[in-house]
């Protein structure tokens, strides 16, 4: 949703499994996230300068919650700006069953 709302005309989504982790990348060629904002956008109630101008009613918790959920599952969520593309990368453990994912999330939360 963020890529469509704030990104450029080209949006690419890739996913693949590498060993015991699943990788998902969403990238677009829009104006991008500034170096100043690249970590700040993952803080609660924060938005990039671009997002706050385009959507002044946004709350700024979506990326915070997304990163928190990724971490609770034993993974990570990061943003990188390179060669005119903004890439959000999600890495999470591949679940062998729905029960094992629940166990991992509970363990990470404690």
PDB file of N, CA and C in Angstrom:
ATOM      1  N   UNK A   1       0.832  -1.193   0.000  1.00  0.00           N
ATOM      2  CA  UNK A   1       0.000   0.000   0.000  1.00  0.00           C
ATOM      3  C   UNK A   1       0.873   1.252   0.000  1.00  0.00           C
ATOM      4  N   UNK A   2       1.932   1.265   0.827  1.00  0.00           N
ATOM      5  CA  UNK A   2       2.811   2.436   0.854  1.00  0.00           C
ATOM      6  C   UNK A   2       3.502   2.652  -0.486  1.00  0.00           C
ATOM      7  N   UNK A   3       3.938   1.590  -1.144  1.00  0.00           N
ATOM      8  CA  UNK A   3       4.604   1.725  -2.443  1.00  0.00           C
ATOM      9  C   UNK A   3       3.650   2.341  -3.458  1.00  0.00           C
ATOM     10  N   UNK A   4       2.408   1.919  -3.450  1.00  0.00           N
ATOM     11  CA  UNK A   4       1.425   2.465  -4.378  1.00  0.00           C
ATOM     12  C   UNK A   4       1.119   3.919  -4.029  1.00  0.00           C
ATOM     13  N   UNK A   5       0.996   4.214  -2.752  1.00  0.00           N
ATOM     14  CA  UNK A   5       0.609   5.550  -2.304  1.00  0.00           C
ATOM     15  C   UNK A   5       1.741   6.559  -2.456  1.00  0.00           C
ATOM     16  N   UNK A   6       2.969   6.183  -2.113  1.00  0.00           N
ATOM     17  CA  UNK A   6       4.080   7.133  -2.074  1.00  0.00           C
ATOM     18  C   UNK A   6       5.168   6.866  -3.107  1.00  0.00           C
ATOM     19  N   UNK A   7       5.158   5.690  -3.720  1.00  0.00           N
ATOM     20  CA  UNK A   7       6.223   5.307  -4.631  1.00  0.00           C
ATOM     21  C   UNK A   7       6.049   5.868  -6.024  1.00  0.00           C
ATOM     22  N   UNK A   8       6.971   5.480  -6.877  1.00  0.00           N
ATOM     23  CA  UNK A   8       6.942   5.913  -8.263  1.00  0.00           C
ATOM     24  C   UNK A   8       6.086   4.993  -9.112  1.00  0.00           C
ATOM     25  N   UNK A   9       6.133   5.201 -10.415  1.00  0.00           N
ATOM     26  CA  UNK A   9       5.297   4.408 -11.312  1.00  0.00           C
ATOM     27  C   UNK A   9       5.717   2.940 -11.426  1.00  0.00           C
ATOM     28  N   UNK A  10       6.977   2.651 -11.144  1.00  0.00           N
ATOM     29  CA  UNK A  10       7.441   1.263 -11.221  1.00  0.00           C
ATOM     30  C   UNK A  10       7.538   0.671  -9.818  1.00  0.00           C
ATOM     31  N   UNK A  11       6.828  -0.421  -9.605  1.00  0.00           N
ATOM     32  CA  UNK A  11       6.865  -1.124  -8.321  1.00  0.00           C
ATOM     33  C   UNK A  11       7.181  -2.577  -8.620  1.00  0.00           C
ATOM     34  N   UNK A  12       8.149  -3.113  -7.905  1.00  0.00           N
ATOM     35  CA  UNK A  12       8.526  -4.513  -8.072  1.00  0.00           C
ATOM     36  C   UNK A  12       8.402  -5.231  -6.741  1.00  0.00           C
ATOM     37  N   UNK A  13       7.868  -6.434  -6.775  1.00  0.00           N
ATOM     38  CA  UNK A  13       7.746  -7.266  -5.578  1.00  0.00           C
ATOM     39  C   UNK A  13       8.393  -8.608  -5.894  1.00  0.00           C
ATOM     40  N   UNK A  14       9.313  -9.002  -5.041  1.00  0.00           N
ATOM     41  CA  UNK A  14       9.989 -10.299  -5.207  1.00  0.00           C
ATOM     42  C   UNK A  14       9.912 -11.054  -3.894  1.00  0.00           C
ATOM     43  N   UNK A  15       9.838 -12.364  -3.993  1.00  0.00           N
ATOM     44  CA  UNK A  15       9.929 -13.197  -2.788  1.00  0.00           C
ATOM     45  C   UNK A  15      10.650 -14.480  -3.154  1.00  0.00           C
ATOM     46  N   UNK A  16      11.419 -14.993  -2.205  1.00  0.00           N
ATOM     47  CA  UNK A  16      12.141 -16.230  -2.410  1.00  0.00           C
ATOM     48  C   UNK A  16      12.534 -16.810  -1.055  1.00  0.00           C
ATOM     49  N   UNK A  17      12.762 -18.098  -1.064  1.00  0.00           N
ATOM     50  CA  UNK A  17      13.219 -18.769   0.149  1.00  0.00           C
ATOM     51  C   UNK A  17      14.685 -19.114  -0.014  1.00  0.00           C
ATOM     52  N   UNK A  18      15.446 -18.833   1.019  1.00  0.00           N
ATOM     53  CA  UNK A  18      16.877 -19.146   1.074  1.00  0.00           C
ATOM     54  C   UNK A  18      17.118 -19.938   2.340  1.00  0.00           C
ATOM     55  N   UNK A  19      17.294 -21.225   2.198  1.00  0.00           N
ATOM     56  CA  UNK A  19      17.479 -22.056   3.385  1.00  0.00           C
ATOM     57  C   UNK A  19      16.261 -21.996   4.271  1.00  0.00           C
ATOM     58  N   UNK A  20      16.471 -21.574   5.517  1.00  0.00           N
ATOM     59  CA  UNK A  20      15.357 -21.549   6.463  1.00  0.00           C
ATOM     60  C   UNK A  20      14.754 -20.163   6.651  1.00  0.00           C
ATOM     61  N   UNK A  21      14.985 -19.234   5.696  1.00  0.00           N
ATOM     62  CA  UNK A  21      14.363 -17.913   5.766  1.00  0.00           C
ATOM     63  C   UNK A  21      13.644 -17.588   4.461  1.00  0.00           C
ATOM     64  N   UNK A  22      12.619 -16.760   4.602  1.00  0.00           N
ATOM     65  CA  UNK A  22      11.867 -16.254   3.453  1.00  0.00           C
ATOM     66  C   UNK A  22      12.187 -14.766   3.325  1.00  0.00           C
ATOM     67  N   UNK A  23      12.488 -14.342   2.105  1.00  0.00           N
ATOM     68  CA  UNK A  23      12.799 -12.946   1.807  1.00  0.00           C
ATOM     69  C   UNK A  23      11.674 -12.358   0.962  1.00  0.00           C
ATOM     70  N   UNK A  24      11.263 -11.148   1.301  1.00  0.00           N
ATOM     71  CA  UNK A  24      10.284 -10.419   0.497  1.00  0.00           C
ATOM     72  C   UNK A  24      10.839  -9.010   0.312  1.00  0.00           C
ATOM     73  N   UNK A  25      10.886  -8.567  -0.937  1.00  0.00           N
ATOM     74  CA  UNK A  25      11.332  -7.208  -1.242  1.00  0.00           C
ATOM     75  C   UNK A  25      10.246  -6.477  -2.008  1.00  0.00           C
ATOM     76  N   UNK A  26       9.999  -5.242  -1.586  1.00  0.00           N
ATOM     77  CA  UNK A  26       9.108  -4.347  -2.311  1.00  0.00           C
ATOM     78  C   UNK A  26       9.938  -3.119  -2.628  1.00  0.00           C
ATOM     79  N   UNK A  27      10.052  -2.793  -3.925  1.00  0.00           N
ATOM     80  CA  UNK A  27      10.851  -1.633  -4.305  1.00  0.00           C
ATOM     81  C   UNK A  27      10.129  -0.797  -5.336  1.00  0.00           C
ATOM     82  N   UNK A  28      10.421   0.509  -5.297  1.00  0.00           N
ATOM     83  CA  UNK A  28       9.808   1.416  -6.250  1.00  0.00           C
ATOM     84  C   UNK A  28      10.801   2.511  -6.626  1.00  0.00           C
ATOM     85  N   UNK A  29      10.495   3.199  -7.711  1.00  0.00           N
ATOM     86  CA  UNK A  29      11.398   4.226  -8.222  1.00  0.00           C
ATOM     87  C   UNK A  29      10.891   5.642  -7.943  1.00  0.00           C
ATOM     88  N   UNK A  30      10.153   5.804  -6.860  1.00  0.00           N
ATOM     89  CA  UNK A  30       9.621   7.118  -6.499  1.00  0.00           C
ATOM     90  C   UNK A  30      10.684   8.018  -5.879  1.00  0.00           C
ATOM     91  N   UNK A  31      10.242   9.134  -5.329  1.00  0.00           N
ATOM     92  CA  UNK A  31      11.145  10.123  -4.736  1.00  0.00           C
ATOM     93  C   UNK A  31      11.990   9.516  -3.620  1.00  0.00           C
ATOM     94  N   UNK A  32      11.455   8.533  -2.949  1.00  0.00           N
ATOM     95  CA  UNK A  32      12.245   7.804  -1.967  1.00  0.00           C
ATOM     96  C   UNK A  32      12.250   8.393  -0.580  1.00  0.00           C
ATOM     97  N   UNK A  33      12.847   7.647   0.288  1.00  0.00           N
ATOM     98  CA  UNK A  33      13.003   8.014   1.689  1.00  0.00           C
ATOM     99  C   UNK A  33      14.384   8.639   1.834  1.00  0.00           C
ATOM    100  N   UNK A  34      14.460   9.792   2.462  1.00  0.00           N
ATOM    101  CA  UNK A  34      15.758  10.450   2.633  1.00  0.00           C
ATOM    102  C   UNK A  34      16.616   9.675   3.624  1.00  0.00           C
ATOM    103  N   UNK A  35      17.916   9.905   3.547  1.00  0.00           N
ATOM    104  CA  UNK A  35      18.843   9.260   4.487  1.00  0.00           C
ATOM    105  C   UNK A  35      18.458   9.600   5.925  1.00  0.00           C
ATOM    106  N   UNK A  36      17.987  10.805   6.145  1.00  0.00           N
ATOM    107  CA  UNK A  36      17.559  11.247   7.481  1.00  0.00           C
ATOM    108  C   UNK A  36      16.360  10.443   7.977  1.00  0.00           C
ATOM    109  N   UNK A  37      15.473  10.066   7.064  1.00  0.00           N
ATOM    110  CA  UNK A  37      14.237   9.396   7.446  1.00  0.00           C
ATOM    111  C   UNK A  37      14.310   7.877   7.438  1.00  0.00           C
ATOM    112  N   UNK A  38      15.368   7.289   6.891  1.00  0.00           N
ATOM    113  CA  UNK A  38      15.396   5.843   6.635  1.00  0.00           C
ATOM    114  C   UNK A  38      15.183   4.992   7.887  1.00  0.00           C
ATOM    115  N   UNK A  39      15.625   5.412   9.040  1.00  0.00           N
ATOM    116  CA  UNK A  39      15.337   4.670  10.275  1.00  0.00           C
ATOM    117  C   UNK A  39      14.188   5.302  11.045  1.00  0.00           C
ATOM    118  N   UNK A  40      14.041   6.604  10.938  1.00  0.00           N
ATOM    119  CA  UNK A  40      12.995   7.316  11.670  1.00  0.00           C
ATOM    120  C   UNK A  40      11.599   6.835  11.286  1.00  0.00           C
ATOM    121  N   UNK A  41      11.399   6.418  10.025  1.00  0.00           N
ATOM    122  CA  UNK A  41      10.064   5.989   9.588  1.00  0.00           C
ATOM    123  C   UNK A  41       9.589   4.723  10.288  1.00  0.00           C
ATOM    124  N   UNK A  42      10.503   4.029  10.962  1.00  0.00           N
ATOM    125  CA  UNK A  42      10.125   2.820  11.699  1.00  0.00           C
ATOM    126  C   UNK A  42       9.782   3.125  13.161  1.00  0.00           C
ATOM    127  N   UNK A  43       9.851   4.389  13.549  1.00  0.00           N
ATOM    128  CA  UNK A  43       9.475   4.788  14.905  1.00  0.00           C
ATOM    129  C   UNK A  43       7.971   5.058  14.950  1.00  0.00           C
ATOM    130  N   UNK A  44       7.336   4.815  16.106  1.00  0.00           N
ATOM    131  CA  UNK A  44       5.890   5.047  16.181  1.00  0.00           C
ATOM    132  C   UNK A  44       5.536   6.518  15.955  1.00  0.00           C
ATOM    133  N   UNK A  45       4.508   6.739  15.188  1.00  0.00           N
ATOM    134  CA  UNK A  45       3.940   8.056  14.885  1.00  0.00           C
ATOM    135  C   UNK A  45       4.870   8.944  14.055  1.00  0.00           C
ATOM    136  N   UNK A  46       5.801   8.345  13.354  1.00  0.00           N
ATOM    137  CA  UNK A  46       6.707   9.094  12.482  1.00  0.00           C
ATOM    138  C   UNK A  46       6.392   8.769  11.030  1.00  0.00           C
ATOM    139  N   UNK A  47       6.610   9.728  10.163  1.00  0.00           N
ATOM    140  CA  UNK A  47       6.462   9.542   8.729  1.00  0.00           C
ATOM    141  C   UNK A  47       7.620  10.251   8.048  1.00  0.00           C
ATOM    142  N   UNK A  48       7.905   9.850   6.820  1.00  0.00           N
ATOM    143  CA  UNK A  48       8.902  10.584   6.058  1.00  0.00           C
ATOM    144  C   UNK A  48       8.326  11.959   5.734  1.00  0.00           C
ATOM    145  N   UNK A  49       9.177  12.904   5.444  1.00  0.00           N
ATOM    146  CA  UNK A  49       8.712  14.249   5.094  1.00  0.00           C
ATOM    147  C   UNK A  49       7.776  14.182   3.894  1.00  0.00           C
ATOM    148  N   UNK A  50       8.107  13.350   2.918  1.00  0.00           N
ATOM    149  CA  UNK A  50       7.287  13.180   1.712  1.00  0.00           C
ATOM    150  C   UNK A  50       5.899  12.657   2.069  1.00  0.00           C
ATOM    151  N   UNK A  51       5.829  11.664   2.934  1.00  0.00           N
ATOM    152  CA  UNK A  51       4.546  11.053   3.296  1.00  0.00           C
ATOM    153  C   UNK A  51       3.665  12.032   4.057  1.00  0.00           C
ATOM    154  N   UNK A  52       4.252  12.841   4.949  1.00  0.00           N
ATOM    155  CA  UNK A  52       3.422  13.746   5.728  1.00  0.00           C
ATOM    156  C   UNK A  52       2.821  14.855   4.872  1.00  0.00           C
ATOM    157  N   UNK A  53       3.500  15.207   3.772  1.00  0.00           N
ATOM    158  CA  UNK A  53       2.946  16.210   2.861  1.00  0.00           C
ATOM    159  C   UNK A  53       1.830  15.593   2.031  1.00  0.00           C
ATOM    160  N   UNK A  54       2.053  14.376   1.523  1.00  0.00           N
ATOM    161  CA  UNK A  54       1.071  13.731   0.649  1.00  0.00           C
ATOM    162  C   UNK A  54      -0.129  13.181   1.413  1.00  0.00           C
ATOM    163  N   UNK A  55       0.057  12.803   2.658  1.00  0.00           N
ATOM    164  CA  UNK A  55      -1.035  12.226   3.440  1.00  0.00           C
ATOM    165  C   UNK A  55      -1.007  12.791   4.851  1.00  0.00           C
ATOM    166  N   UNK A  56      -1.439  14.041   5.012  1.00  0.00           N
ATOM    167  CA  UNK A  56      -1.354  14.661   6.343  1.00  0.00           C
ATOM    168  C   UNK A  56      -2.211  13.992   7.398  1.00  0.00           C
ATOM    169  N   UNK A  57      -3.128  13.107   6.994  1.00  0.00           N
ATOM    170  CA  UNK A  57      -3.977  12.424   7.971  1.00  0.00           C
ATOM    171  C   UNK A  57      -3.397  11.081   8.392  1.00  0.00           C
ATOM    172  N   UNK A  58      -2.250  10.672   7.810  1.00  0.00           N
ATOM    173  CA  UNK A  58      -1.631   9.404   8.185  1.00  0.00           C
ATOM    174  C   UNK A  58      -1.188   9.423   9.636  1.00  0.00           C
ATOM    175  N   UNK A  59      -1.200   8.256  10.255  1.00  0.00           N
ATOM    176  CA  UNK A  59      -0.853   8.156  11.671  1.00  0.00           C
ATOM    177  C   UNK A  59       0.630   7.858  11.866  1.00  0.00           C
ATOM    178  N   UNK A  60       1.226   7.093  10.964  1.00  0.00           N
ATOM    179  CA  UNK A  60       2.647   6.799  11.074  1.00  0.00           C
ATOM    180  C   UNK A  60       2.968   5.611  11.968  1.00  0.00           C
ATOM    181  N   UNK A  61       2.097   4.610  12.008  1.00  0.00           N
ATOM    182  CA  UNK A  61       2.425   3.428  12.811  1.00  0.00           C
ATOM    183  C   UNK A  61       2.576   2.155  11.980  1.00  0.00           C
ATOM    184  N   UNK A  62       2.243   2.208  10.702  1.00  0.00           N
ATOM    185  CA  UNK A  62       2.273   1.016   9.863  1.00  0.00           C
ATOM    186  C   UNK A  62       3.639   0.359   9.790  1.00  0.00           C
ATOM    187  N   UNK A  63       4.678   1.132   9.517  1.00  0.00           N
ATOM    188  CA  UNK A  63       6.020   0.554   9.419  1.00  0.00           C
ATOM    189  C   UNK A  63       6.547   0.134  10.789  1.00  0.00           C
ATOM    190  N   UNK A  64       6.184   0.878  11.824  1.00  0.00           N
ATOM    191  CA  UNK A  64       6.569   0.493  13.181  1.00  0.00           C
ATOM    192  C   UNK A  64       5.996  -0.881  13.528  1.00  0.00           C
ATOM    193  N   UNK A  65       4.705  -1.056  13.273  1.00  0.00           N
ATOM    194  CA  UNK A  65       4.042  -2.327  13.580  1.00  0.00           C
ATOM    195  C   UNK A  65       4.613  -3.445  12.707  1.00  0.00           C
ATOM    196  N   UNK A  66       4.859  -3.152  11.440  1.00  0.00           N
ATOM    197  CA  UNK A  66       5.412  -4.161  10.531  1.00  0.00           C
ATOM    198  C   UNK A  66       6.773  -4.648  10.994  1.00  0.00           C
ATOM    199  N   UNK A  67       7.646  -3.717  11.404  1.00  0.00           N
ATOM    200  CA  UNK A  67       8.973  -4.115  11.889  1.00  0.00           C
ATOM    201  C   UNK A  67       8.857  -4.892  13.193  1.00  0.00           C
ATOM    202  N   UNK A  68       7.970  -4.461  14.075  1.00  0.00           N
ATOM    203  CA  UNK A  68       7.762  -5.159  15.346  1.00  0.00           C
ATOM    204  C   UNK A  68       7.303  -6.598  15.092  1.00  0.00           C
ATOM    205  N   UNK A  69       6.352  -6.781  14.190  1.00  0.00           N
ATOM    206  CA  UNK A  69       5.879  -8.126  13.869  1.00  0.00           C
ATOM    207  C   UNK A  69       6.997  -8.970  13.260  1.00  0.00           C
ATOM    208  N   UNK A  70       7.789  -8.376  12.380  1.00  0.00           N
ATOM    209  CA  UNK A  70       8.909  -9.112  11.789  1.00  0.00           C
ATOM    210  C   UNK A  70       9.863  -9.575  12.881  1.00  0.00           C
ATOM    211  N   UNK A  71      10.176  -8.696  13.817  1.00  0.00           N
ATOM    212  CA  UNK A  71      11.094  -9.051  14.908  1.00  0.00           C
ATOM    213  C   UNK A  71      10.501 -10.108  15.826  1.00  0.00           C
ATOM    214  N   UNK A  72       9.197 -10.017  16.085  1.00  0.00           N
ATOM    215  CA  UNK A  72       8.543 -11.021  16.930  1.00  0.00           C
ATOM    216  C   UNK A  72       8.588 -12.405  16.289  1.00  0.00           C
ATOM    217  N   UNK A  73       8.674 -12.449  14.966  1.00  0.00           N
ATOM    218  CA  UNK A  73       8.778 -13.721  14.252  1.00  0.00           C
ATOM    219  C   UNK A  73      10.236 -14.142  14.062  1.00  0.00           C
ATOM    220  N   UNK A  74      11.169 -13.379  14.650  1.00  0.00           N
ATOM    221  CA  UNK A  74      12.581 -13.717  14.517  1.00  0.00           C
ATOM    222  C   UNK A  74      13.204 -13.202  13.237  1.00  0.00           C
ATOM    223  N   UNK A  75      12.587 -12.197  12.619  1.00  0.00           N
ATOM    224  CA  UNK A  75      13.083 -11.656  11.363  1.00  0.00           C
ATOM    225  C   UNK A  75      13.459 -10.193  11.467  1.00  0.00           C
ATOM    226  N   UNK A  76      13.453  -9.539  10.304  1.00  0.00           N
ATOM    227  CA  UNK A  76      13.832  -8.127  10.254  1.00  0.00           C
ATOM    228  C   UNK A  76      13.112  -7.439   9.101  1.00  0.00           C
ATOM    229  N   UNK A  77      13.028  -6.119   9.198  1.00  0.00           N
ATOM    230  CA  UNK A  77      12.467  -5.280   8.143  1.00  0.00           C
ATOM    231  C   UNK A  77      13.345  -4.048   8.033  1.00  0.00           C
ATOM    232  N   UNK A  78      13.860  -3.798   6.833  1.00  0.00           N
ATOM    233  CA  UNK A  78      14.775  -2.676   6.608  1.00  0.00           C
ATOM    234  C   UNK A  78      14.406  -1.932   5.341  1.00  0.00           C
ATOM    235  N   UNK A  79      14.884  -0.700   5.256  1.00  0.00           N
ATOM    236  CA  UNK A  79      14.686   0.144   4.089  1.00  0.00           C
ATOM    237  C   UNK A  79      16.050   0.617   3.599  1.00  0.00           C
ATOM    238  N   UNK A  80      16.233   0.586   2.274  1.00  0.00           N
ATOM    239  CA  UNK A  80      17.476   1.051   1.663  1.00  0.00           C
ATOM    240  C   UNK A  80      17.114   1.873   0.434  1.00  0.00           C
ATOM    241  N   UNK A  81      17.821   2.967   0.218  1.00  0.00           N
ATOM    242  CA  UNK A  81      17.672   3.780  -0.996  1.00  0.00           C
ATOM    243  C   UNK A  81      18.955   3.639  -1.789  1.00  0.00           C
ATOM    244  N   UNK A  82      18.854   3.170  -3.054  1.00  0.00           N
ATOM    245  CA  UNK A  82      20.057   2.946  -3.864  1.00  0.00           C
ATOM    246  C   UNK A  82      19.716   3.077  -5.347  1.00  0.00           C
ATOM    247  N   UNK A  83      20.509   3.835  -6.055  1.00  0.00           N
ATOM    248  CA  UNK A  83      20.363   4.001  -7.507  1.00  0.00           C
ATOM    249  C   UNK A  83      18.943   4.354  -7.938  1.00  0.00           C
ATOM    250  N   UNK A  84      18.303   5.256  -7.195  1.00  0.00           N
ATOM    251  CA  UNK A  84      16.971   5.710  -7.578  1.00  0.00           C
ATOM    252  C   UNK A  84      15.825   4.805  -7.173  1.00  0.00           C
ATOM    253  N   UNK A  85      16.131   3.756  -6.432  1.00  0.00           N
ATOM    254  CA  UNK A  85      15.091   2.818  -5.974  1.00  0.00           C
ATOM    255  C   UNK A  85      15.063   2.789  -4.454  1.00  0.00           C
ATOM    256  N   UNK A  86      13.863   2.749  -3.890  1.00  0.00           N
ATOM    257  CA  UNK A  86      13.673   2.520  -2.459  1.00  0.00           C
ATOM    258  C   UNK A  86      13.240   1.071  -2.298  1.00  0.00           C
ATOM    259  N   UNK A  87      13.962   0.326  -1.462  1.00  0.00           N
ATOM    260  CA  UNK A  87      13.668  -1.089  -1.270  1.00  0.00           C
ATOM    261  C   UNK A  87      13.393  -1.376   0.195  1.00  0.00           C
ATOM    262  N   UNK A  88      12.245  -1.981   0.457  1.00  0.00           N
ATOM    263  CA  UNK A  88      11.920  -2.485   1.781  1.00  0.00           C
ATOM    264  C   UNK A  88      12.129  -3.988   1.734  1.00  0.00           C
ATOM    265  N   UNK A  89      12.951  -4.497   2.654  1.00  0.00           N
ATOM    266  CA  UNK A  89      13.300  -5.922   2.682  1.00  0.00           C
ATOM    267  C   UNK A  89      12.817  -6.552   3.978  1.00  0.00           C
ATOM    268  N   UNK A  90      12.010  -7.566   3.836  1.00  0.00           N
ATOM    269  CA  UNK A  90      11.501  -8.344   4.961  1.00  0.00           C
ATOM    270  C   UNK A  90      12.157  -9.715   4.912  1.00  0.00           C
ATOM    271  N   UNK A  91      12.724 -10.137   6.032  1.00  0.00           N
ATOM    272  CA  UNK A  91      13.318 -11.469   6.154  1.00  0.00           C
ATOM    273  C   UNK A  91      12.703 -12.109   7.394  1.00  0.00           C
ATOM    274  N   UNK A  92      12.084 -13.282   7.204  1.00  0.00           N
ATOM    275  CA  UNK A  92      11.476 -14.000   8.325  1.00  0.00           C
ATOM    276  C   UNK A  92      11.800 -15.485   8.205  1.00  0.00           C
ATOM    277  N   UNK A  93      11.820 -16.177   9.323  1.00  0.00           N
ATOM    278  CA  UNK A  93      12.063 -17.624   9.266  1.00  0.00           C
ATOM    279  C   UNK A  93      10.944 -18.322   8.508  1.00  0.00           C
ATOM    280  N   UNK A  94      11.324 -19.304   7.722  1.00  0.00           N
ATOM    281  CA  UNK A  94      10.325 -20.132   7.040  1.00  0.00           C
ATOM    282  C   UNK A  94       9.719 -21.053   8.086  1.00  0.00           C
ATOM    283  N   UNK A  95       8.417 -21.057   8.184  1.00  0.00           N
ATOM    284  CA  UNK A  95       7.739 -21.897   9.173  1.00  0.00           C
ATOM    285  C   UNK A  95       7.574 -23.299   8.614  1.00  0.00           C
ATOM    286  N   UNK A  96       7.820 -24.275   9.452  1.00  0.00           N
ATOM    287  CA  UNK A  96       7.604 -25.654   9.041  1.00  0.00           C
ATOM    288  C   UNK A  96       6.165 -26.068   9.294  1.00  0.00           C
ATOM    289  N   UNK A  97       5.509 -25.355  10.225  1.00  0.00           N
ATOM    290  CA  UNK A  97       4.088 -25.569  10.471  1.00  0.00           C
ATOM    291  C   UNK A  97       3.553 -24.337  11.167  1.00  0.00           C
ATOM    292  N   UNK A  98       2.262 -24.163  11.162  1.00  0.00           N
ATOM    293  CA  UNK A  98       1.684 -22.984  11.811  1.00  0.00           C
ATOM    294  C   UNK A  98       1.949 -23.013  13.316  1.00  0.00           C
ATOM    295  N   UNK A  99       2.055 -24.182  13.918  1.00  0.00           N
ATOM    296  CA  UNK A  99       2.335 -24.282  15.350  1.00  0.00           C
ATOM    297  C   UNK A  99       3.741 -23.787  15.661  1.00  0.00           C
ATOM    298  N   UNK A 100       4.717 -24.108  14.811  1.00  0.00           N
ATOM    299  CA  UNK A 100       6.088 -23.697  15.096  1.00  0.00           C
ATOM    300  C   UNK A 100       6.235 -22.192  14.980  1.00  0.00           C
ATOM    301  N   UNK A 101       5.508 -21.543  14.059  1.00  0.00           N
ATOM    302  CA  UNK A 101       5.577 -20.102  13.934  1.00  0.00           C
ATOM    303  C   UNK A 101       5.036 -19.443  15.196  1.00  0.00           C
ATOM    304  N   UNK A 102       3.949 -19.955  15.718  1.00  0.00           N
ATOM    305  CA  UNK A 102       3.396 -19.410  16.948  1.00  0.00           C
ATOM    306  C   UNK A 102       4.360 -19.548  18.108  1.00  0.00           C
ATOM    307  N   UNK A 103       5.053 -20.685  18.208  1.00  0.00           N
ATOM    308  CA  UNK A 103       6.032 -20.896  19.270  1.00  0.00           C
ATOM    309  C   UNK A 103       7.188 -19.910  19.148  1.00  0.00           C
ATOM    310  N   UNK A 104       7.683 -19.676  17.922  1.00  0.00           N
ATOM    311  CA  UNK A 104       8.786 -18.748  17.704  1.00  0.00           C
ATOM    312  C   UNK A 104       8.371 -17.328  18.090  1.00  0.00           C
ATOM    313  N   UNK A 105       7.178 -16.916  17.704  1.00  0.00           N
ATOM    314  CA  UNK A 105       6.711 -15.567  18.007  1.00  0.00           C
ATOM    315  C   UNK A 105       6.566 -15.370  19.514  1.00  0.00           C
ATOM    316  N   UNK A 106       6.023 -16.376  20.220  1.00  0.00           N
ATOM    317  CA  UNK A 106       5.900 -16.262  21.669  1.00  0.00           C
ATOM    318  C   UNK A 106       7.253 -16.182  22.311  1.00  0.00           C
ATOM    319  N   UNK A 107       8.211 -16.963  21.829  1.00  0.00           N
ATOM    320  CA  UNK A 107       9.565 -16.960  22.383  1.00  0.00           C
ATOM    321  C   UNK A 107      10.245 -15.613  22.157  1.00  0.00           C
ATOM    322  N   UNK A 108      10.076 -15.021  20.971  1.00  0.00           N
ATOM    323  CA  UNK A 108      10.686 -13.731  20.654  1.00  0.00           C
ATOM    324  C   UNK A 108      10.072 -12.603  21.464  1.00  0.00           C
ATOM    325  N   UNK A 109       8.786 -12.740  21.814  1.00  0.00           N
ATOM    326  CA  UNK A 109       8.093 -11.686  22.572  1.00  0.00           C
ATOM    327  C   UNK A 109       8.506 -11.675  24.040  1.00  0.00           C
ATOM    328  N   UNK A 110       9.012 -12.797  24.535  1.00  0.00           N
ATOM    329  CA  UNK A 110       9.357 -12.824  25.962  1.00  0.00           C
ATOM    330  C   UNK A 110      10.783 -12.468  26.224  1.00  0.00           C
TER     331      UNK A 110
END
